[in-house]
PDB file of N, CA and C in Angstrom:
ATOM      1  N   MET A   1       0.925  -1.410   0.052  1.00  0.00           N
ATOM      2  CA  MET A   1      -0.077  -0.249   0.142  1.00  0.00           C
ATOM      3  C   MET A   1       0.941   1.258  -0.090  1.00  0.00           C
ATOM      4  N   ILE A   2       0.398   2.357  -0.743  1.00  0.00           N
ATOM      5  CA  ILE A   2       1.087   3.375  -0.458  1.00  0.00           C
ATOM      6  C   ILE A   2       0.244   4.572  -0.163  1.00  0.00           C
ATOM      7  N   ALA A   3       0.574   5.515   0.747  1.00  0.00           N
ATOM      8  CA  ALA A   3       0.132   6.577   1.298  1.00  0.00           C
ATOM      9  C   ALA A   3       0.229   7.602   0.442  1.00  0.00           C
ATOM     10  N   LEU A   4      -1.032   8.434  -0.011  1.00  0.00           N
ATOM     11  CA  LEU A   4      -1.161   9.623  -0.903  1.00  0.00           C
ATOM     12  C   LEU A   4      -2.021  10.661   0.074  1.00  0.00           C
ATOM     13  N   THR A   5      -1.837  11.837  -0.425  1.00  0.00           N
ATOM     14  CA  THR A   5      -2.414  13.056   0.730  1.00  0.00           C
ATOM     15  C   THR A   5      -3.698  13.670  -0.431  1.00  0.00           C
ATOM     16  N   ARG A   6      -4.937  13.480  -0.138  1.00  0.00           N
ATOM     17  CA  ARG A   6      -5.782  14.367  -0.861  1.00  0.00           C
ATOM     18  C   ARG A   6      -5.771  15.651  -0.521  1.00  0.00           C
ATOM     19  N   LEU A   7      -6.346  16.425  -1.459  1.00  0.00           N
ATOM     20  CA  LEU A   7      -6.211  17.913  -1.336  1.00  0.00           C
ATOM     21  C   LEU A   7      -7.061  18.483  -0.091  1.00  0.00           C
ATOM     22  N   ASN A   8      -7.656  17.864   0.595  1.00  0.00           N
ATOM     23  CA  ASN A   8      -7.902  18.287   1.855  1.00  0.00           C
ATOM     24  C   ASN A   8      -7.187  18.026   3.262  1.00  0.00           C
ATOM     25  N   GLY A   9      -6.085  17.029   2.803  1.00  0.00           N
ATOM     26  CA  GLY A   9      -5.028  17.061   3.585  1.00  0.00           C
ATOM     27  C   GLY A   9      -5.204  15.491   4.330  1.00  0.00           C
ATOM     28  N   THR A  10      -6.040  15.036   3.903  1.00  0.00           N
ATOM     29  CA  THR A  10      -6.311  13.467   4.514  1.00  0.00           C
ATOM     30  C   THR A  10      -5.557  12.550   3.926  1.00  0.00           C
ATOM     31  N   VAL A  11      -4.959  11.561   4.564  1.00  0.00           N
ATOM     32  CA  VAL A  11      -4.168  10.560   3.997  1.00  0.00           C
ATOM     33  C   VAL A  11      -5.163   9.357   3.431  1.00  0.00           C
ATOM     34  N   VAL A  12      -4.733   8.883   2.306  1.00  0.00           N
ATOM     35  CA  VAL A  12      -5.564   7.721   1.853  1.00  0.00           C
ATOM     36  C   VAL A  12      -4.600   6.605   1.254  1.00  0.00           C
ATOM     37  N   TRP A  13      -4.811   5.686   1.707  1.00  0.00           N
ATOM     38  CA  TRP A  13      -3.719   4.441   1.265  1.00  0.00           C
ATOM     39  C   TRP A  13      -4.429   3.492   0.098  1.00  0.00           C
ATOM     40  N   LEU A  14      -3.639   3.403  -0.912  1.00  0.00           N
ATOM     41  CA  LEU A  14      -3.923   2.779  -2.036  1.00  0.00           C
ATOM     42  C   LEU A  14      -3.101   1.547  -2.512  1.00  0.00           C
ATOM     43  N   ASN A  15      -3.624   0.521  -2.969  1.00  0.00           N
ATOM     44  CA  ASN A  15      -3.133  -0.494  -3.384  1.00  0.00           C
ATOM     45  C   ASN A  15      -2.343  -0.142  -4.768  1.00  0.00           C
ATOM     46  N   PRO A  16      -0.907  -0.122  -4.912  1.00  0.00           N
ATOM     47  CA  PRO A  16      -0.374   0.248  -6.155  1.00  0.00           C
ATOM     48  C   PRO A  16      -0.749  -0.904  -7.306  1.00  0.00           C
ATOM     49  N   LEU A  17      -1.060  -2.024  -7.012  1.00  0.00           N
ATOM     50  CA  LEU A  17      -1.681  -2.926  -8.280  1.00  0.00           C
ATOM     51  C   LEU A  17      -2.822  -2.663  -8.690  1.00  0.00           C
ATOM     52  N   HIS A  18      -3.433  -1.821  -7.993  1.00  0.00           N
ATOM     53  CA  HIS A  18      -4.917  -1.563  -8.607  1.00  0.00           C
ATOM     54  C   HIS A  18      -4.761  -0.201  -9.245  1.00  0.00           C
ATOM     55  N   ILE A  19      -3.734   0.603  -9.534  1.00  0.00           N
ATOM     56  CA  ILE A  19      -3.677   1.870 -10.031  1.00  0.00           C
ATOM     57  C   ILE A  19      -3.479   1.393 -11.337  1.00  0.00           C
ATOM     58  N   GLU A  20      -4.313   2.149 -12.089  1.00  0.00           N
ATOM     59  CA  GLU A  20      -4.402   1.918 -13.788  1.00  0.00           C
ATOM     60  C   GLU A  20      -3.590   3.185 -14.335  1.00  0.00           C
ATOM     61  N   LEU A  21      -4.072   4.283 -13.884  1.00  0.00           N
ATOM     62  CA  LEU A  21      -3.547   5.627 -14.500  1.00  0.00           C
ATOM     63  C   LEU A  21      -3.133   6.693 -13.471  1.00  0.00           C
ATOM     64  N   VAL A  22      -2.107   7.591 -13.815  1.00  0.00           N
ATOM     65  CA  VAL A  22      -1.735   8.797 -13.146  1.00  0.00           C
ATOM     66  C   VAL A  22      -1.735   9.887 -13.839  1.00  0.00           C
ATOM     67  N   GLU A  23      -2.301  10.823 -13.715  1.00  0.00           N
ATOM     68  CA  GLU A  23      -2.430  12.133 -14.472  1.00  0.00           C
ATOM     69  C   GLU A  23      -2.203  13.309 -13.693  1.00  0.00           C
ATOM     70  N   GLY A  24      -1.178  14.145 -14.308  1.00  0.00           N
ATOM     71  CA  GLY A  24      -0.952  15.497 -13.531  1.00  0.00           C
ATOM     72  C   GLY A  24      -1.701  16.493 -14.302  1.00  0.00           C
ATOM     73  N   THR A  25      -2.785  16.968 -13.851  1.00  0.00           N
ATOM     74  CA  THR A  25      -3.739  17.705 -14.782  1.00  0.00           C
ATOM     75  C   THR A  25      -4.183  19.075 -13.909  1.00  0.00           C
ATOM     76  N   PRO A  26      -3.748  20.131 -13.367  1.00  0.00           N
ATOM     77  CA  PRO A  26      -2.470  20.096 -12.733  1.00  0.00           C
ATOM     78  C   PRO A  26      -2.526  19.369 -11.280  1.00  0.00           C
ATOM     79  N   ASP A  27      -3.615  18.987 -11.047  1.00  0.00           N
ATOM     80  CA  ASP A  27      -3.512  18.077  -9.697  1.00  0.00           C
ATOM     81  C   ASP A  27      -3.244  16.720 -10.142  1.00  0.00           C
ATOM     82  N   SER A  28      -2.753  15.814  -9.380  1.00  0.00           N
ATOM     83  CA  SER A  28      -2.457  14.278  -9.664  1.00  0.00           C
ATOM     84  C   SER A  28      -4.130  13.733  -9.686  1.00  0.00           C
ATOM     85  N   VAL A  29      -4.516  12.811 -10.487  1.00  0.00           N
ATOM     86  CA  VAL A  29      -5.672  12.268 -10.540  1.00  0.00           C
ATOM     87  C   VAL A  29      -5.041  10.848 -10.824  1.00  0.00           C
ATOM     88  N   VAL A  30      -5.675   9.920  -9.694  1.00  0.00           N
ATOM     89  CA  VAL A  30      -5.331   8.722  -9.707  1.00  0.00           C
ATOM     90  C   VAL A  30      -6.413   7.850 -10.063  1.00  0.00           C
ATOM     91  N   THR A  31      -6.416   6.993 -11.136  1.00  0.00           N
ATOM     92  CA  THR A  31      -7.463   6.165 -11.344  1.00  0.00           C
ATOM     93  C   THR A  31      -7.121   4.760 -11.055  1.00  0.00           C
ATOM     94  N   LEU A  32      -8.164   3.933 -10.520  1.00  0.00           N
ATOM     95  CA  LEU A  32      -8.070   2.713 -10.081  1.00  0.00           C
ATOM     96  C   LEU A  32      -8.585   1.834 -11.236  1.00  0.00           C
ATOM     97  N   THR A  33      -8.282   0.463 -11.293  1.00  0.00           N
ATOM     98  CA  THR A  33      -8.808  -0.282 -11.985  1.00  0.00           C
ATOM     99  C   THR A  33     -10.392  -0.615 -11.981  1.00  0.00           C
ATOM    100  N   ASN A  34     -10.890   0.051 -10.618  1.00  0.00           N
ATOM    101  CA  ASN A  34     -12.353  -0.131 -10.990  1.00  0.00           C
ATOM    102  C   ASN A  34     -12.976   0.894 -11.422  1.00  0.00           C
ATOM    103  N   GLY A  35     -12.267   1.840 -11.674  1.00  0.00           N
ATOM    104  CA  GLY A  35     -12.774   3.187 -12.065  1.00  0.00           C
ATOM    105  C   GLY A  35     -12.739   4.372 -11.020  1.00  0.00           C
ATOM    106  N   HIS A  36     -12.523   3.807  -9.760  1.00  0.00           N
ATOM    107  CA  HIS A  36     -12.515   5.241  -8.946  1.00  0.00           C
ATOM    108  C   HIS A  36     -11.295   5.939  -9.018  1.00  0.00           C
ATOM    109  N   LYS A  37     -11.713   7.413  -8.969  1.00  0.00           N
ATOM    110  CA  LYS A  37     -10.493   8.410  -8.959  1.00  0.00           C
ATOM    111  C   LYS A  37     -10.304   9.105  -7.530  1.00  0.00           C
ATOM    112  N   TYR A  38      -9.065   9.535  -7.403  1.00  0.00           N
ATOM    113  CA  TYR A  38      -8.567  10.215  -6.347  1.00  0.00           C
ATOM    114  C   TYR A  38      -7.844  11.354  -6.882  1.00  0.00           C
ATOM    115  N   VAL A  39      -8.106  12.392  -6.328  1.00  0.00           N
ATOM    116  CA  VAL A  39      -7.149  13.857  -6.467  1.00  0.00           C
ATOM    117  C   VAL A  39      -6.155  13.778  -5.329  1.00  0.00           C
ATOM    118  N   VAL A  40      -4.924  13.989  -5.612  1.00  0.00           N
ATOM    119  CA  VAL A  40      -3.925  13.813  -4.707  1.00  0.00           C
ATOM    120  C   VAL A  40      -2.879  14.963  -4.673  1.00  0.00           C
ATOM    121  N   LEU A  41      -2.208  15.401  -3.802  1.00  0.00           N
ATOM    122  CA  LEU A  41      -1.123  16.324  -3.683  1.00  0.00           C
ATOM    123  C   LEU A  41       0.090  15.844  -4.443  1.00  0.00           C
ATOM    124  N   GLU A  42       0.370  14.760  -4.223  1.00  0.00           N
ATOM    125  CA  GLU A  42       1.712  14.259  -4.808  1.00  0.00           C
ATOM    126  C   GLU A  42       1.628  14.170  -6.305  1.00  0.00           C
ATOM    127  N   ASP A  43       2.873  14.522  -6.847  1.00  0.00           N
ATOM    128  CA  ASP A  43       3.159  14.447  -8.175  1.00  0.00           C
ATOM    129  C   ASP A  43       3.375  13.119  -8.963  1.00  0.00           C
ATOM    130  N   PRO A  44       2.897  13.280 -10.180  1.00  0.00           N
ATOM    131  CA  PRO A  44       3.024  11.675 -10.716  1.00  0.00           C
ATOM    132  C   PRO A  44       4.309  10.997 -10.412  1.00  0.00           C
ATOM    133  N   GLU A  45       5.421  11.727 -10.554  1.00  0.00           N
ATOM    134  CA  GLU A  45       6.741  11.064 -10.375  1.00  0.00           C
ATOM    135  C   GLU A  45       7.014  10.537  -8.906  1.00  0.00           C
ATOM    136  N   THR A  46       6.292  11.219  -7.939  1.00  0.00           N
ATOM    137  CA  THR A  46       6.375  10.795  -6.639  1.00  0.00           C
ATOM    138  C   THR A  46       5.649   9.734  -6.749  1.00  0.00           C
ATOM    139  N   ILE A  47       4.615   9.225  -7.141  1.00  0.00           N
ATOM    140  CA  ILE A  47       3.347   8.574  -6.944  1.00  0.00           C
ATOM    141  C   ILE A  47       4.100   7.121  -7.562  1.00  0.00           C
ATOM    142  N   ALA A  48       4.666   7.538  -9.020  1.00  0.00           N
ATOM    143  CA  ALA A  48       5.396   6.428  -9.445  1.00  0.00           C
ATOM    144  C   ALA A  48       6.603   5.864  -8.705  1.00  0.00           C
ATOM    145  N   SER A  49       7.364   6.682  -8.174  1.00  0.00           N
ATOM    146  CA  SER A  49       8.383   6.162  -7.359  1.00  0.00           C
ATOM    147  C   SER A  49       7.803   5.319  -6.164  1.00  0.00           C
ATOM    148  N   LYS A  50       6.863   5.747  -5.527  1.00  0.00           N
ATOM    149  CA  LYS A  50       6.093   4.901  -4.463  1.00  0.00           C
ATOM    150  C   LYS A  50       5.606   3.803  -4.849  1.00  0.00           C
ATOM    151  N   MET A  51       5.084   3.605  -6.116  1.00  0.00           N
ATOM    152  CA  MET A  51       4.687   2.200  -6.657  1.00  0.00           C
ATOM    153  C   MET A  51       5.700   1.326  -6.853  1.00  0.00           C
ATOM    154  N   ILE A  52       6.943   1.765  -7.561  1.00  0.00           N
ATOM    155  CA  ILE A  52       8.017   1.318  -7.705  1.00  0.00           C
ATOM    156  C   ILE A  52       8.499   0.626  -6.552  1.00  0.00           C
ATOM    157  N   GLU A  53       8.743   1.341  -5.516  1.00  0.00           N
ATOM    158  CA  GLU A  53       9.280   0.769  -4.178  1.00  0.00           C
ATOM    159  C   GLU A  53       8.407  -0.606  -3.740  1.00  0.00           C
ATOM    160  N   VAL A  54       7.291  -0.248  -3.840  1.00  0.00           N
ATOM    161  CA  VAL A  54       6.462  -1.505  -3.314  1.00  0.00           C
ATOM    162  C   VAL A  54       6.537  -2.490  -4.312  1.00  0.00           C
ATOM    163  N   TYR A  55       6.659  -2.573  -5.709  1.00  0.00           N
ATOM    164  CA  TYR A  55       6.895  -3.671  -6.584  1.00  0.00           C
ATOM    165  C   TYR A  55       8.176  -4.333  -6.158  1.00  0.00           C
ATOM    166  N   ARG A  56       9.337  -3.390  -5.883  1.00  0.00           N
ATOM    167  CA  ARG A  56      10.693  -3.935  -5.512  1.00  0.00           C
ATOM    168  C   ARG A  56      10.434  -4.898  -4.104  1.00  0.00           C
ATOM    169  N   ARG A  57       9.781  -4.425  -3.012  1.00  0.00           N
ATOM    170  CA  ARG A  57       9.606  -4.762  -1.982  1.00  0.00           C
ATOM    171  C   ARG A  57       8.808  -6.390  -2.119  1.00  0.00           C
ATOM    172  N   ILE A  58       8.002  -6.324  -2.801  1.00  0.00           N
ATOM    173  CA  ILE A  58       7.140  -7.690  -3.053  1.00  0.00           C
ATOM    174  C   ILE A  58       7.619  -8.539  -4.440  1.00  0.00           C
ATOM    175  N   GLY A  59       8.749  -8.217  -4.985  1.00  0.00           N
ATOM    176  CA  GLY A  59       9.741  -8.859  -5.958  1.00  0.00           C
ATOM    177  C   GLY A  59       9.036  -8.877  -7.431  1.00  0.00           C
ATOM    178  N   LEU A  60       8.325  -7.823  -7.773  1.00  0.00           N
ATOM    179  CA  LEU A  60       7.911  -7.539  -9.032  1.00  0.00           C
ATOM    180  C   LEU A  60       8.858  -6.911  -9.686  1.00  0.00           C
ATOM    181  N   VAL A  61       9.766  -6.271  -9.286  1.00  0.00           N
ATOM    182  CA  VAL A  61      10.833  -5.330  -9.932  1.00  0.00           C
ATOM    183  C   VAL A  61      11.867  -5.736  -9.093  1.00  0.00           C
ATOM    184  N   ALA A  62      13.125  -6.225 -10.066  1.00  0.00           N
ATOM    185  CA  ALA A  62      14.518  -6.305  -9.145  1.00  0.00           C
ATOM    186  C   ALA A  62      15.285  -4.826  -8.952  1.00  0.00           C
ATOM    187  N   ALA A  63      15.876  -5.015  -7.788  1.00  0.00           N
ATOM    188  CA  ALA A  63      16.646  -3.661  -7.544  1.00  0.00           C
ATOM    189  C   ALA A  63      17.549  -3.480  -8.399  1.00  0.00           C
ATOM    190  N   PRO A  64      18.199  -2.226  -8.471  1.00  0.00           N
ATOM    191  CA  PRO A  64      19.358  -1.992  -9.540  1.00  0.00           C
ATOM    192  C   PRO A  64      20.686  -2.751  -9.061  1.00  0.00           C
ATOM    193  N   VAL A  65      21.237  -3.324  -9.984  1.00  0.00           N
ATOM    194  CA  VAL A  65      22.657  -3.882  -9.450  1.00  0.00           C
ATOM    195  C   VAL A  65      23.684  -2.852  -9.342  1.00  0.00           C
ATOM    196  N   ARG A  66      24.345  -2.886  -8.390  1.00  0.00           N
ATOM    197  CA  ARG A  66      25.253  -1.991  -8.171  1.00  0.00           C
ATOM    198  C   ARG A  66      26.807  -2.777  -8.412  1.00  0.00           C
ATOM    199  N   ASP A  67      27.874  -2.117  -8.797  1.00  0.00           N
ATOM    200  CA  ASP A  67      29.318  -2.963  -8.864  1.00  0.00           C
ATOM    201  C   ASP A  67      29.782  -2.554  -7.527  1.00  0.00           C
ATOM    202  N   GLU A  68      31.173  -3.070  -7.384  1.00  0.00           N
ATOM    203  CA  GLU A  68      31.746  -2.696  -5.913  1.00  0.00           C
ATOM    204  C   GLU A  68      32.007  -1.578  -5.762  1.00  0.00           C
ATOM    205  N   GLU A  69      31.977  -0.744  -6.347  1.00  0.00           N
ATOM    206  CA  GLU A  69      32.455   0.611  -6.248  1.00  0.00           C
ATOM    207  C   GLU A  69      30.964   1.635  -5.843  1.00  0.00           C
ATOM    208  N   GLY A  70      30.084   0.982  -5.701  1.00  0.00           N
ATOM    209  CA  GLY A  70      28.658   1.585  -5.593  1.00  0.00           C
ATOM    210  C   GLY A  70      28.123   2.183  -6.796  1.00  0.00           C
ATOM    211  N   GLY A  71      28.748   2.162  -8.002  1.00  0.00           N
ATOM    212  CA  GLY A  71      28.116   2.750  -9.157  1.00  0.00           C
ATOM    213  C   GLY A  71      27.137   1.551  -9.890  1.00  0.00           C
ATOM    214  N   ALA A  72      26.294   2.049 -10.735  1.00  0.00           N
ATOM    215  CA  ALA A  72      25.594   1.162 -11.499  1.00  0.00           C
ATOM    216  C   ALA A  72      25.966   0.499 -12.502  1.00  0.00           C
TER     217      ALA A  72
END
């Protein structure tokens, strides 16, 4: 689950596996696969980063491989 902030300041927790679309118009609108929409304060890039982090934690996306010197 990822925490996002609605325009009124309340936090909503969404399952990133159910997010179908994120639009920045200029507020960010998150559309779920069931059609429900949430307008949130976070920008689309931040939302995508949060989604990818969850995917990494559950093994859907591999973490980047780093060489011995710490570079990619």
